[in-house]
Full PDB file with SEQRES, HELIX, SHEET, SSBOND, CRYST1, ORIGX, SCALE, CONECT and MASTER records, all heavy atoms in Angstrom:
SEQRES   1 A   44  VAL THR GLY LEU LEU LYS SER GLY ASP TYR ASP SER PHE          
SEQRES   2 A   44  ALA LEU GLU ASP CYS PHE VAL GLY LEU ALA GLN ALA GLY          
SEQRES   3 A   44  CYS ARG LEU ALA LEU LEU LEU ASP HIS VAL ASP HIS LEU          
SEQRES   4 A   44  LEU LYS TYR PRO PRO                                          
HELIX    1 AA1 THR A    2  SER A    7  1                                   6    
HELIX    2 AA2 SER A   12  GLN A   24  1                                  13    
HELIX    3 AA3 VAL A   36  LYS A   41  5                                   6    
CRYST1    1.000    1.000    1.000  90.00  90.00  90.00 P 1           1          
ORIGX1      1.000000  0.000000  0.000000        0.00000                         
ORIGX2      0.000000  1.000000  0.000000        0.00000                         
ORIGX3      0.000000  0.000000  1.000000        0.00000                         
SCALE1      1.000000  0.000000  0.000000        0.00000                         
SCALE2      0.000000  1.000000  0.000000        0.00000                         
SCALE3      0.000000  0.000000  1.000000        0.00000                         
ATOM      1  N   VAL A   1      19.462  -0.785  -1.239  1.00  0.00           N  
ATOM      2  CA  VAL A   1      19.811  -2.068  -0.594  1.00  0.00           C  
ATOM      3  C   VAL A   1      19.409  -2.056   0.901  1.00  0.00           C  
ATOM      4  O   VAL A   1      18.748  -2.965   1.359  1.00  0.00           O  
ATOM      5  CB  VAL A   1      21.364  -2.353  -0.731  1.00  0.00           C  
ATOM      6  CG1 VAL A   1      21.764  -3.522   0.146  1.00  0.00           C  
ATOM      7  CG2 VAL A   1      21.705  -2.604  -2.187  1.00  0.00           C  
ATOM      8  N   THR A   2      19.759  -0.986   1.602  1.00  0.00           N  
ATOM      9  CA  THR A   2      19.428  -0.940   3.038  1.00  0.00           C  
ATOM     10  C   THR A   2      17.939  -0.746   3.186  1.00  0.00           C  
ATOM     11  O   THR A   2      17.356  -1.252   4.140  1.00  0.00           O  
ATOM     12  CB  THR A   2      20.179   0.195   3.701  1.00  0.00           C  
ATOM     13  OG1 THR A   2      19.967   1.438   3.004  1.00  0.00           O  
ATOM     14  CG2 THR A   2      21.674  -0.073   3.711  1.00  0.00           C  
ATOM     15  N   GLY A   3      17.297  -0.041   2.228  1.00  0.00           N  
ATOM     16  CA  GLY A   3      15.851   0.131   2.282  1.00  0.00           C  
ATOM     17  C   GLY A   3      15.091  -1.171   2.205  1.00  0.00           C  
ATOM     18  O   GLY A   3      14.124  -1.424   2.942  1.00  0.00           O  
ATOM     19  N   LEU A   4      15.567  -2.022   1.299  1.00  0.00           N  
ATOM     20  CA  LEU A   4      14.935  -3.347   1.164  1.00  0.00           C  
ATOM     21  C   LEU A   4      15.153  -4.186   2.449  1.00  0.00           C  
ATOM     22  O   LEU A   4      14.247  -4.871   2.906  1.00  0.00           O  
ATOM     23  CB  LEU A   4      15.481  -4.099  -0.063  1.00  0.00           C  
ATOM     24  CG  LEU A   4      14.713  -5.282  -0.534  1.00  0.00           C  
ATOM     25  CD1 LEU A   4      13.320  -4.889  -1.040  1.00  0.00           C  
ATOM     26  CD2 LEU A   4      15.478  -5.995  -1.679  1.00  0.00           C  
ATOM     27  N   LEU A   5      16.346  -4.112   2.994  1.00  0.00           N  
ATOM     28  CA  LEU A   5      16.623  -4.884   4.219  1.00  0.00           C  
ATOM     29  C   LEU A   5      15.750  -4.398   5.391  1.00  0.00           C  
ATOM     30  O   LEU A   5      15.233  -5.221   6.168  1.00  0.00           O  
ATOM     31  CB  LEU A   5      18.108  -4.735   4.619  1.00  0.00           C  
ATOM     32  CG  LEU A   5      19.075  -5.587   3.766  1.00  0.00           C  
ATOM     33  CD1 LEU A   5      20.514  -5.120   4.086  1.00  0.00           C  
ATOM     34  CD2 LEU A   5      18.921  -7.067   4.075  1.00  0.00           C  
ATOM     35  N   LYS A   6      15.606  -3.085   5.482  1.00  0.00           N  
ATOM     36  CA  LYS A   6      14.763  -2.557   6.584  1.00  0.00           C  
ATOM     37  C   LYS A   6      13.278  -2.882   6.393  1.00  0.00           C  
ATOM     38  O   LYS A   6      12.567  -3.169   7.376  1.00  0.00           O  
ATOM     39  CB  LYS A   6      14.931  -1.041   6.670  1.00  0.00           C  
ATOM     40  CG  LYS A   6      16.289  -0.617   7.217  1.00  0.00           C  
ATOM     41  CD  LYS A   6      16.407   0.923   7.238  1.00  0.00           C  
ATOM     42  CE  LYS A   6      17.758   1.357   7.784  1.00  0.00           C  
ATOM     43  NZ  LYS A   6      17.938   2.805   7.782  1.00  0.00           N  
ATOM     44  N   SER A   7      12.832  -2.919   5.163  1.00  0.00           N  
ATOM     45  CA  SER A   7      11.399  -3.203   4.936  1.00  0.00           C  
ATOM     46  C   SER A   7      11.125  -4.684   5.179  1.00  0.00           C  
ATOM     47  O   SER A   7       9.985  -5.032   5.563  1.00  0.00           O  
ATOM     48  CB  SER A   7      11.005  -2.837   3.514  1.00  0.00           C  
ATOM     49  OG  SER A   7      11.543  -3.760   2.578  1.00  0.00           O  
ATOM     50  N   GLY A   8      12.086  -5.532   4.908  1.00  0.00           N  
ATOM     51  CA  GLY A   8      11.844  -6.982   5.052  1.00  0.00           C  
ATOM     52  C   GLY A   8      10.920  -7.535   4.004  1.00  0.00           C  
ATOM     53  O   GLY A   8      10.395  -8.656   4.204  1.00  0.00           O  
ATOM     54  N   ASP A   9      10.668  -6.796   2.965  1.00  0.00           N  
ATOM     55  CA  ASP A   9       9.698  -7.196   1.910  1.00  0.00           C  
ATOM     56  C   ASP A   9      10.490  -7.774   0.728  1.00  0.00           C  
ATOM     57  O   ASP A   9      11.113  -7.015  -0.019  1.00  0.00           O  
ATOM     58  CB  ASP A   9       8.876  -5.982   1.486  1.00  0.00           C  
ATOM     59  CG  ASP A   9       7.761  -6.346   0.513  1.00  0.00           C  
ATOM     60  OD1 ASP A   9       7.642  -7.537   0.209  1.00  0.00           O  
ATOM     61  OD2 ASP A   9       7.045  -5.472   0.038  1.00  0.00           O  
ATOM     62  N   TYR A  10      10.444  -9.085   0.585  1.00  0.00           N  
ATOM     63  CA  TYR A  10      11.173  -9.728  -0.489  1.00  0.00           C  
ATOM     64  C   TYR A  10      10.274 -10.466  -1.456  1.00  0.00           C  
ATOM     65  O   TYR A  10      10.684 -11.471  -2.023  1.00  0.00           O  
ATOM     66  CB  TYR A  10      12.193 -10.704   0.138  1.00  0.00           C  
ATOM     67  CG  TYR A  10      13.197 -10.059   1.036  1.00  0.00           C  
ATOM     68  CD1 TYR A  10      13.050 -10.149   2.445  1.00  0.00           C  
ATOM     69  CD2 TYR A  10      14.245  -9.322   0.541  1.00  0.00           C  
ATOM     70  CE1 TYR A  10      13.931  -9.521   3.279  1.00  0.00           C  
ATOM     71  CE2 TYR A  10      15.164  -8.662   1.369  1.00  0.00           C  
ATOM     72  CZ  TYR A  10      14.992  -8.786   2.752  1.00  0.00           C  
ATOM     73  OH  TYR A  10      15.886  -8.198   3.592  1.00  0.00           O  
ATOM     74  N   ASP A  11       9.031  -9.975  -1.609  1.00  0.00           N  
ATOM     75  CA  ASP A  11       8.152 -10.617  -2.588  1.00  0.00           C  
ATOM     76  C   ASP A  11       8.665 -10.262  -4.006  1.00  0.00           C  
ATOM     77  O   ASP A  11       9.523  -9.407  -4.192  1.00  0.00           O  
ATOM     78  CB  ASP A  11       6.702 -10.320  -2.331  1.00  0.00           C  
ATOM     79  CG  ASP A  11       6.329  -8.845  -2.645  1.00  0.00           C  
ATOM     80  OD1 ASP A  11       7.046  -8.159  -3.342  1.00  0.00           O  
ATOM     81  OD2 ASP A  11       5.277  -8.440  -2.114  1.00  0.00           O  
ATOM     82  N   SER A  12       8.105 -10.907  -4.973  1.00  0.00           N  
ATOM     83  CA  SER A  12       8.556 -10.704  -6.352  1.00  0.00           C  
ATOM     84  C   SER A  12       8.440  -9.271  -6.830  1.00  0.00           C  
ATOM     85  O   SER A  12       9.352  -8.788  -7.552  1.00  0.00           O  
ATOM     86  CB  SER A  12       7.791 -11.651  -7.299  1.00  0.00           C  
ATOM     87  OG  SER A  12       8.013 -12.994  -6.986  1.00  0.00           O  
ATOM     88  N   PHE A  13       7.413  -8.575  -6.403  1.00  0.00           N  
ATOM     89  CA  PHE A  13       7.231  -7.211  -6.877  1.00  0.00           C  
ATOM     90  C   PHE A  13       8.265  -6.293  -6.253  1.00  0.00           C  
ATOM     91  O   PHE A  13       8.849  -5.397  -6.963  1.00  0.00           O  
ATOM     92  CB  PHE A  13       5.822  -6.726  -6.522  1.00  0.00           C  
ATOM     93  CG  PHE A  13       4.728  -7.511  -7.228  1.00  0.00           C  
ATOM     94  CD1 PHE A  13       3.925  -8.418  -6.485  1.00  0.00           C  
ATOM     95  CD2 PHE A  13       4.493  -7.354  -8.573  1.00  0.00           C  
ATOM     96  CE1 PHE A  13       2.968  -9.139  -7.136  1.00  0.00           C  
ATOM     97  CE2 PHE A  13       3.474  -8.105  -9.226  1.00  0.00           C  
ATOM     98  CZ  PHE A  13       2.735  -8.971  -8.475  1.00  0.00           C  
ATOM     99  N   ALA A  14       8.542  -6.444  -4.957  1.00  0.00           N  
ATOM    100  CA  ALA A  14       9.543  -5.590  -4.328  1.00  0.00           C  
ATOM    101  C   ALA A  14      10.946  -5.846  -4.895  1.00  0.00           C  
ATOM    102  O   ALA A  14      11.678  -4.900  -5.149  1.00  0.00           O  
ATOM    103  CB  ALA A  14       9.547  -5.858  -2.805  1.00  0.00           C  
ATOM    104  N   LEU A  15      11.265  -7.126  -5.155  1.00  0.00           N  
ATOM    105  CA  LEU A  15      12.536  -7.444  -5.737  1.00  0.00           C  
ATOM    106  C   LEU A  15      12.674  -6.877  -7.154  1.00  0.00           C  
ATOM    107  O   LEU A  15      13.717  -6.323  -7.498  1.00  0.00           O  
ATOM    108  CB  LEU A  15      12.755  -8.990  -5.756  1.00  0.00           C  
ATOM    109  CG  LEU A  15      12.938  -9.637  -4.396  1.00  0.00           C  
ATOM    110  CD1 LEU A  15      12.819 -11.146  -4.515  1.00  0.00           C  
ATOM    111  CD2 LEU A  15      14.322  -9.310  -3.826  1.00  0.00           C  
ATOM    112  N   GLU A  16      11.624  -6.997  -7.914  1.00  0.00           N  
ATOM    113  CA  GLU A  16      11.652  -6.475  -9.298  1.00  0.00           C  
ATOM    114  C   GLU A  16      11.833  -4.972  -9.272  1.00  0.00           C  
ATOM    115  O   GLU A  16      12.644  -4.417 -10.033  1.00  0.00           O  
ATOM    116  CB  GLU A  16      10.400  -6.871 -10.061  1.00  0.00           C  
ATOM    117  CG  GLU A  16      10.463  -6.440 -11.483  1.00  0.00           C  
ATOM    118  CD  GLU A  16       9.536  -7.277 -12.367  1.00  0.00           C  
ATOM    119  OE1 GLU A  16       9.092  -8.366 -11.962  1.00  0.00           O  
ATOM    120  OE2 GLU A  16       9.240  -6.800 -13.497  1.00  0.00           O  
ATOM    121  N   ASP A  17      11.122  -4.281  -8.390  1.00  0.00           N  
ATOM    122  CA  ASP A  17      11.283  -2.812  -8.285  1.00  0.00           C  
ATOM    123  C   ASP A  17      12.746  -2.439  -7.934  1.00  0.00           C  
ATOM    124  O   ASP A  17      13.267  -1.479  -8.473  1.00  0.00           O  
ATOM    125  CB  ASP A  17      10.331  -2.247  -7.195  1.00  0.00           C  
ATOM    126  CG  ASP A  17       8.901  -2.188  -7.716  1.00  0.00           C  
ATOM    127  OD1 ASP A  17       8.663  -2.357  -8.892  1.00  0.00           O  
ATOM    128  OD2 ASP A  17       8.033  -2.022  -6.828  1.00  0.00           O  
ATOM    129  N   CYS A  18      13.332  -3.234  -7.022  1.00  0.00           N  
ATOM    130  CA  CYS A  18      14.707  -2.956  -6.597  1.00  0.00           C  
ATOM    131  C   CYS A  18      15.689  -3.126  -7.749  1.00  0.00           C  
ATOM    132  O   CYS A  18      16.514  -2.226  -8.011  1.00  0.00           O  
ATOM    133  CB  CYS A  18      15.082  -3.859  -5.418  1.00  0.00           C  
ATOM    134  SG  CYS A  18      16.757  -3.602  -4.838  1.00  0.00           S  
ATOM    135  N   PHE A  19      15.566  -4.224  -8.479  1.00  0.00           N  
ATOM    136  CA  PHE A  19      16.546  -4.483  -9.573  1.00  0.00           C  
ATOM    137  C   PHE A  19      16.306  -3.572 -10.741  1.00  0.00           C  
ATOM    138  O   PHE A  19      17.261  -3.156 -11.432  1.00  0.00           O  
ATOM    139  CB  PHE A  19      16.458  -5.969  -9.952  1.00  0.00           C  
ATOM    140  CG  PHE A  19      17.093  -6.860  -8.956  1.00  0.00           C  
ATOM    141  CD1 PHE A  19      16.386  -7.850  -8.314  1.00  0.00           C  
ATOM    142  CD2 PHE A  19      18.451  -6.715  -8.630  1.00  0.00           C  
ATOM    143  CE1 PHE A  19      16.967  -8.678  -7.397  1.00  0.00           C  
ATOM    144  CE2 PHE A  19      19.062  -7.570  -7.694  1.00  0.00           C  
ATOM    145  CZ  PHE A  19      18.327  -8.563  -7.059  1.00  0.00           C  
ATOM    146  N   VAL A  20      15.059  -3.213 -11.015  1.00  0.00           N  
ATOM    147  CA  VAL A  20      14.786  -2.219 -12.046  1.00  0.00           C  
ATOM    148  C   VAL A  20      15.444  -0.891 -11.662  1.00  0.00           C  
ATOM    149  O   VAL A  20      16.025  -0.195 -12.497  1.00  0.00           O  
ATOM    150  CB  VAL A  20      13.290  -2.090 -12.306  1.00  0.00           C  
ATOM    151  CG1 VAL A  20      13.018  -0.821 -13.136  1.00  0.00           C  
ATOM    152  CG2 VAL A  20      12.740  -3.332 -12.971  1.00  0.00           C  
ATOM    153  N   GLY A  21      15.315  -0.502 -10.371  1.00  0.00           N  
ATOM    154  CA  GLY A  21      15.931   0.711  -9.903  1.00  0.00           C  
ATOM    155  C   GLY A  21      17.470   0.672 -10.044  1.00  0.00           C  
ATOM    156  O   GLY A  21      18.068   1.699 -10.422  1.00  0.00           O  
ATOM    157  N   LEU A  22      18.085  -0.482  -9.791  1.00  0.00           N  
ATOM    158  CA  LEU A  22      19.521  -0.590  -9.978  1.00  0.00           C  
ATOM    159  C   LEU A  22      19.884  -0.346 -11.452  1.00  0.00           C  
ATOM    160  O   LEU A  22      20.847   0.372 -11.751  1.00  0.00           O  
ATOM    161  CB  LEU A  22      20.016  -1.950  -9.534  1.00  0.00           C  
ATOM    162  CG  LEU A  22      19.943  -2.327  -8.049  1.00  0.00           C  
ATOM    163  CD1 LEU A  22      20.607  -3.671  -7.785  1.00  0.00           C  
ATOM    164  CD2 LEU A  22      20.609  -1.236  -7.207  1.00  0.00           C  
ATOM    165  N   ALA A  23      19.112  -0.968 -12.334  1.00  0.00           N  
ATOM    166  CA  ALA A  23      19.400  -0.782 -13.772  1.00  0.00           C  
ATOM    167  C   ALA A  23      19.237   0.659 -14.184  1.00  0.00           C  
ATOM    168  O   ALA A  23      20.031   1.178 -14.975  1.00  0.00           O  
ATOM    169  CB  ALA A  23      18.446  -1.705 -14.581  1.00  0.00           C  
ATOM    170  N   GLN A  24      18.215   1.303 -13.683  1.00  0.00           N  
ATOM    171  CA  GLN A  24      17.990   2.728 -14.032  1.00  0.00           C  
ATOM    172  C   GLN A  24      19.128   3.636 -13.542  1.00  0.00           C  
ATOM    173  O   GLN A  24      19.391   4.705 -14.056  1.00  0.00           O  
ATOM    174  CB  GLN A  24      16.631   3.174 -13.467  1.00  0.00           C  
ATOM    175  CG  GLN A  24      15.452   2.551 -14.207  1.00  0.00           C  
ATOM    176  CD  GLN A  24      14.132   2.865 -13.599  1.00  0.00           C  
ATOM    177  OE1 GLN A  24      14.085   3.370 -12.428  1.00  0.00           O  
ATOM    178  NE2 GLN A  24      13.054   2.639 -14.286  1.00  0.00           N  
ATOM    179  N   ALA A  25      19.790   3.169 -12.444  1.00  0.00           N  
ATOM    180  CA  ALA A  25      20.922   3.907 -11.872  1.00  0.00           C  
ATOM    181  C   ALA A  25      22.222   3.555 -12.584  1.00  0.00           C  
ATOM    182  O   ALA A  25      23.298   4.028 -12.208  1.00  0.00           O  
ATOM    183  CB  ALA A  25      21.054   3.658 -10.396  1.00  0.00           C  
ATOM    184  N   GLY A  26      22.126   2.709 -13.618  1.00  0.00           N  
ATOM    185  CA  GLY A  26      23.321   2.312 -14.372  1.00  0.00           C  
ATOM    186  C   GLY A  26      24.158   1.205 -13.660  1.00  0.00           C  
ATOM    187  O   GLY A  26      25.337   1.102 -13.939  1.00  0.00           O  
ATOM    188  N   CYS A  27      23.491   0.446 -12.808  1.00  0.00           N  
ATOM    189  CA  CYS A  27      24.190  -0.581 -12.044  1.00  0.00           C  
ATOM    190  C   CYS A  27      23.507  -1.943 -12.251  1.00  0.00           C  
ATOM    191  O   CYS A  27      22.407  -2.053 -12.749  1.00  0.00           O  
ATOM    192  CB  CYS A  27      24.164  -0.218 -10.543  1.00  0.00           C  
ATOM    193  SG  CYS A  27      24.948   1.293 -10.133  1.00  0.00           S  
ATOM    194  N   ARG A  28      24.227  -2.949 -11.885  1.00  0.00           N  
ATOM    195  CA  ARG A  28      23.762  -4.336 -11.980  1.00  0.00           C  
ATOM    196  C   ARG A  28      24.401  -5.178 -10.900  1.00  0.00           C  
ATOM    197  O   ARG A  28      25.621  -5.099 -10.740  1.00  0.00           O  
ATOM    198  CB  ARG A  28      24.115  -4.899 -13.391  1.00  0.00           C  
ATOM    199  CG  ARG A  28      23.599  -6.305 -13.631  1.00  0.00           C  
ATOM    200  CD  ARG A  28      24.082  -6.823 -14.986  1.00  0.00           C  
ATOM    201  NE  ARG A  28      23.523  -6.086 -16.104  1.00  0.00           N  
ATOM    202  CZ  ARG A  28      24.224  -5.442 -17.016  1.00  0.00           C  
ATOM    203  NH1 ARG A  28      25.544  -5.458 -16.993  1.00  0.00           N  
ATOM    204  NH2 ARG A  28      23.615  -4.807 -18.041  1.00  0.00           N  
ATOM    205  N   LEU A  29      23.599  -5.915 -10.147  1.00  0.00           N  
ATOM    206  CA  LEU A  29      24.182  -6.813  -9.163  1.00  0.00           C  
ATOM    207  C   LEU A  29      24.606  -8.094  -9.841  1.00  0.00           C  
ATOM    208  O   LEU A  29      23.830  -8.745 -10.557  1.00  0.00           O  
ATOM    209  CB  LEU A  29      23.161  -7.105  -8.049  1.00  0.00           C  
ATOM    210  CG  LEU A  29      23.515  -8.227  -7.063  1.00  0.00           C  
ATOM    211  CD1 LEU A  29      24.749  -7.822  -6.250  1.00  0.00           C  
ATOM    212  CD2 LEU A  29      22.364  -8.580  -6.135  1.00  0.00           C  
ATOM    213  N   ALA A  30      25.829  -8.541  -9.549  1.00  0.00           N  
ATOM    214  CA  ALA A  30      26.331  -9.808 -10.035  1.00  0.00           C  
ATOM    215  C   ALA A  30      26.230 -10.779  -8.868  1.00  0.00           C  
ATOM    216  O   ALA A  30      26.948 -10.649  -7.830  1.00  0.00           O  
ATOM    217  CB  ALA A  30      27.782  -9.703 -10.525  1.00  0.00           C  
ATOM    218  N   LEU A  31      25.364 -11.756  -8.978  1.00  0.00           N  
ATOM    219  CA  LEU A  31      25.145 -12.748  -7.928  1.00  0.00           C  
ATOM    220  C   LEU A  31      25.831 -14.034  -8.342  1.00  0.00           C  
ATOM    221  O   LEU A  31      25.495 -14.647  -9.352  1.00  0.00           O  
ATOM    222  CB  LEU A  31      23.642 -12.965  -7.728  1.00  0.00           C  
ATOM    223  CG  LEU A  31      23.233 -14.006  -6.634  1.00  0.00           C  
ATOM    224  CD1 LEU A  31      23.866 -13.658  -5.282  1.00  0.00           C  
ATOM    225  CD2 LEU A  31      21.709 -14.028  -6.522  1.00  0.00           C  
ATOM    226  N   LEU A  32      26.811 -14.488  -7.547  1.00  0.00           N  
ATOM    227  CA  LEU A  32      27.555 -15.717  -7.804  1.00  0.00           C  
ATOM    228  C   LEU A  32      27.048 -16.771  -6.832  1.00  0.00           C  
ATOM    229  O   LEU A  32      27.241 -16.631  -5.625  1.00  0.00           O  
ATOM    230  CB  LEU A  32      29.066 -15.461  -7.594  1.00  0.00           C  
ATOM    231  CG  LEU A  32      29.673 -14.160  -8.164  1.00  0.00           C  
ATOM    232  CD1 LEU A  32      31.160 -14.126  -7.879  1.00  0.00           C  
ATOM    233  CD2 LEU A  32      29.389 -14.046  -9.646  1.00  0.00           C  
ATOM    234  N   LEU A  33      26.460 -17.810  -7.380  1.00  0.00           N  
ATOM    235  CA  LEU A  33      25.908 -18.908  -6.555  1.00  0.00           C  
ATOM    236  C   LEU A  33      26.706 -20.172  -6.766  1.00  0.00           C  
ATOM    237  O   LEU A  33      26.643 -20.760  -7.854  1.00  0.00           O  
ATOM    238  CB  LEU A  33      24.443 -19.100  -6.889  1.00  0.00           C  
ATOM    239  CG  LEU A  33      23.493 -17.973  -6.583  1.00  0.00           C  
ATOM    240  CD1 LEU A  33      22.067 -18.349  -6.943  1.00  0.00           C  
ATOM    241  CD2 LEU A  33      23.564 -17.586  -5.118  1.00  0.00           C  
ATOM    242  N   ASP A  34      27.445 -20.560  -5.779  1.00  0.00           N  
ATOM    243  CA  ASP A  34      28.222 -21.803  -5.863  1.00  0.00           C  
ATOM    244  C   ASP A  34      27.370 -23.016  -5.449  1.00  0.00           C  
ATOM    245  O   ASP A  34      26.488 -22.884  -4.575  1.00  0.00           O  
ATOM    246  CB  ASP A  34      29.426 -21.657  -4.893  1.00  0.00           C  
ATOM    247  CG  ASP A  34      30.622 -22.498  -5.369  1.00  0.00           C  
ATOM    248  OD1 ASP A  34      30.495 -23.254  -6.362  1.00  0.00           O  
ATOM    249  OD2 ASP A  34      31.683 -22.404  -4.705  1.00  0.00           O  
ATOM    250  N   HIS A  35      27.620 -24.162  -6.082  1.00  0.00           N  
ATOM    251  CA  HIS A  35      26.899 -25.408  -5.778  1.00  0.00           C  
ATOM    252  C   HIS A  35      25.383 -25.164  -5.917  1.00  0.00           C  
ATOM    253  O   HIS A  35      24.616 -25.611  -5.052  1.00  0.00           O  
ATOM    254  CB  HIS A  35      27.201 -25.869  -4.336  1.00  0.00           C  
ATOM    255  CG  HIS A  35      28.691 -26.124  -4.099  1.00  0.00           C  
ATOM    256  ND1 HIS A  35      29.394 -27.146  -4.673  1.00  0.00           N  
ATOM    257  CD2 HIS A  35      29.580 -25.386  -3.336  1.00  0.00           C  
ATOM    258  CE1 HIS A  35      30.641 -27.074  -4.307  1.00  0.00           C  
ATOM    259  NE2 HIS A  35      30.804 -26.041  -3.500  1.00  0.00           N  
ATOM    260  N   VAL A  36      24.966 -24.548  -6.989  1.00  0.00           N  
ATOM    261  CA  VAL A  36      23.565 -24.206  -7.162  1.00  0.00           C  
ATOM    262  C   VAL A  36      22.719 -25.410  -7.257  1.00  0.00           C  
ATOM    263  O   VAL A  36      21.490 -25.337  -6.917  1.00  0.00           O  
ATOM    264  CB  VAL A  36      23.405 -23.268  -8.383  1.00  0.00           C  
ATOM    265  CG1 VAL A  36      23.512 -24.018  -9.689  1.00  0.00           C  
ATOM    266  CG2 VAL A  36      22.051 -22.531  -8.303  1.00  0.00           C  
ATOM    267  N   ASP A  37      23.249 -26.568  -7.686  1.00  0.00           N  
ATOM    268  CA  ASP A  37      22.415 -27.752  -7.761  1.00  0.00           C  
ATOM    269  C   ASP A  37      21.950 -28.219  -6.392  1.00  0.00           C  
ATOM    270  O   ASP A  37      21.029 -29.039  -6.280  1.00  0.00           O  
ATOM    271  CB  ASP A  37      23.118 -28.898  -8.512  1.00  0.00           C  
ATOM    272  CG  ASP A  37      24.629 -28.912  -8.368  1.00  0.00           C  
ATOM    273  OD1 ASP A  37      25.171 -28.057  -7.631  1.00  0.00           O  
ATOM    274  OD2 ASP A  37      25.261 -29.745  -8.985  1.00  0.00           O  
ATOM    275  N   HIS A  38      22.592 -27.694  -5.337  1.00  0.00           N  
ATOM    276  CA  HIS A  38      22.154 -28.021  -3.950  1.00  0.00           C  
ATOM    277  C   HIS A  38      20.709 -27.508  -3.716  1.00  0.00           C  
ATOM    278  O   HIS A  38      19.993 -28.062  -2.827  1.00  0.00           O  
ATOM    279  CB  HIS A  38      23.099 -27.444  -2.931  1.00  0.00           C  
ATOM    280  CG  HIS A  38      22.797 -27.790  -1.500  1.00  0.00           C  
ATOM    281  ND1 HIS A  38      23.140 -29.067  -1.008  1.00  0.00           N  
ATOM    282  CD2 HIS A  38      22.212 -27.106  -0.513  1.00  0.00           C  
ATOM    283  CE1 HIS A  38      22.750 -29.114   0.251  1.00  0.00           C  
ATOM    284  NE2 HIS A  38      22.212 -27.962   0.568  1.00  0.00           N  
ATOM    285  N   LEU A  39      20.288 -26.461  -4.429  1.00  0.00           N  
ATOM    286  CA  LEU A  39      18.907 -25.942  -4.238  1.00  0.00           C  
ATOM    287  C   LEU A  39      17.896 -26.998  -4.532  1.00  0.00           C  
ATOM    288  O   LEU A  39      16.720 -26.917  -4.034  1.00  0.00           O  
ATOM    289  CB  LEU A  39      18.706 -24.719  -5.145  1.00  0.00           C  
ATOM    290  CG  LEU A  39      19.575 -23.486  -4.869  1.00  0.00           C  
ATOM    291  CD1 LEU A  39      19.210 -22.363  -5.818  1.00  0.00           C  
ATOM    292  CD2 LEU A  39      19.406 -23.020  -3.412  1.00  0.00           C  
ATOM    293  N   LEU A  40      18.205 -28.010  -5.372  1.00  0.00           N  
ATOM    294  CA  LEU A  40      17.244 -29.038  -5.701  1.00  0.00           C  
ATOM    295  C   LEU A  40      16.976 -29.960  -4.544  1.00  0.00           C  
ATOM    296  O   LEU A  40      16.054 -30.769  -4.584  1.00  0.00           O  
ATOM    297  CB  LEU A  40      17.722 -29.813  -6.962  1.00  0.00           C  
ATOM    298  CG  LEU A  40      18.021 -28.996  -8.157  1.00  0.00           C  
ATOM    299  CD1 LEU A  40      18.383 -29.895  -9.326  1.00  0.00           C  
ATOM    300  CD2 LEU A  40      16.789 -28.123  -8.555  1.00  0.00           C  
ATOM    301  N   LYS A  41      17.752 -29.848  -3.474  1.00  0.00           N  
ATOM    302  CA  LYS A  41      17.530 -30.725  -2.300  1.00  0.00           C  
ATOM    303  C   LYS A  41      16.491 -30.125  -1.353  1.00  0.00           C  
ATOM    304  O   LYS A  41      16.072 -30.768  -0.411  1.00  0.00           O  
ATOM    305  CB  LYS A  41      18.852 -30.916  -1.583  1.00  0.00           C  
ATOM    306  CG  LYS A  41      19.912 -31.663  -2.392  1.00  0.00           C  
ATOM    307  CD  LYS A  41      21.158 -31.955  -1.585  1.00  0.00           C  
ATOM    308  CE  LYS A  41      22.138 -32.750  -2.379  1.00  0.00           C  
ATOM    309  NZ  LYS A  41      23.384 -33.061  -1.636  1.00  0.00           N  
ATOM    310  N   TYR A  42      16.068 -28.883  -1.605  1.00  0.00           N  
ATOM    311  CA  TYR A  42      15.018 -28.289  -0.807  1.00  0.00           C  
ATOM    312  C   TYR A  42      13.647 -28.751  -1.279  1.00  0.00           C  
ATOM    313  O   TYR A  42      13.518 -29.346  -2.377  1.00  0.00           O  
ATOM    314  CB  TYR A  42      15.108 -26.753  -0.905  1.00  0.00           C  
ATOM    315  CG  TYR A  42      16.284 -26.198  -0.167  1.00  0.00           C  
ATOM    316  CD1 TYR A  42      17.464 -25.827  -0.779  1.00  0.00           C  
ATOM    317  CD2 TYR A  42      16.216 -26.047   1.241  1.00  0.00           C  
ATOM    318  CE1 TYR A  42      18.554 -25.336  -0.074  1.00  0.00           C  
ATOM    319  CE2 TYR A  42      17.311 -25.550   1.953  1.00  0.00           C  
ATOM    320  CZ  TYR A  42      18.434 -25.191   1.283  1.00  0.00           C  
ATOM    321  OH  TYR A  42      19.525 -24.696   2.025  1.00  0.00           O  
ATOM    322  N   PRO A  43      12.635 -28.575  -0.454  1.00  0.00           N  
ATOM    323  CA  PRO A  43      11.271 -28.960  -0.890  1.00  0.00           C  
ATOM    324  C   PRO A  43      10.920 -28.348  -2.221  1.00  0.00           C  
ATOM    325  O   PRO A  43      11.349 -27.215  -2.539  1.00  0.00           O  
ATOM    326  CB  PRO A  43      10.357 -28.424   0.231  1.00  0.00           C  
ATOM    327  CG  PRO A  43      11.259 -28.402   1.457  1.00  0.00           C  
ATOM    328  CD  PRO A  43      12.612 -28.043   0.927  1.00  0.00           C  
ATOM    329  N   PRO A  44      10.123 -29.039  -3.065  1.00  0.00           N  
ATOM    330  CA  PRO A  44       9.819 -28.521  -4.416  1.00  0.00           C  
ATOM    331  C   PRO A  44       9.270 -27.072  -4.411  1.00  0.00           C  
ATOM    332  O   PRO A  44       9.652 -26.314  -5.297  1.00  0.00           O  
ATOM    333  CB  PRO A  44       8.753 -29.502  -4.911  1.00  0.00           C  
ATOM    334  CG  PRO A  44       9.106 -30.792  -4.212  1.00  0.00           C  
ATOM    335  CD  PRO A  44       9.557 -30.389  -2.843  1.00  0.00           C  
TER     336      PRO A  44                                                      
MASTER        0    0    0    3    0    0    0    6  335    1    0    4          
END                                                                             
C-alpha cells in the first residue's frame, strides 16, 4: 500500500499488480463507495 502511494503510479497495470499481490497474500480490499451514481456527473 505504501509502495504504491510512494510510486504515484496508478495506471491499470500497477493497480492490477497490487491487487493480485493482495490476493496472493490471502487478503482482499473491501472498497465501500457511497453515492456511486455521483460518478456519472463527471466528464464521460
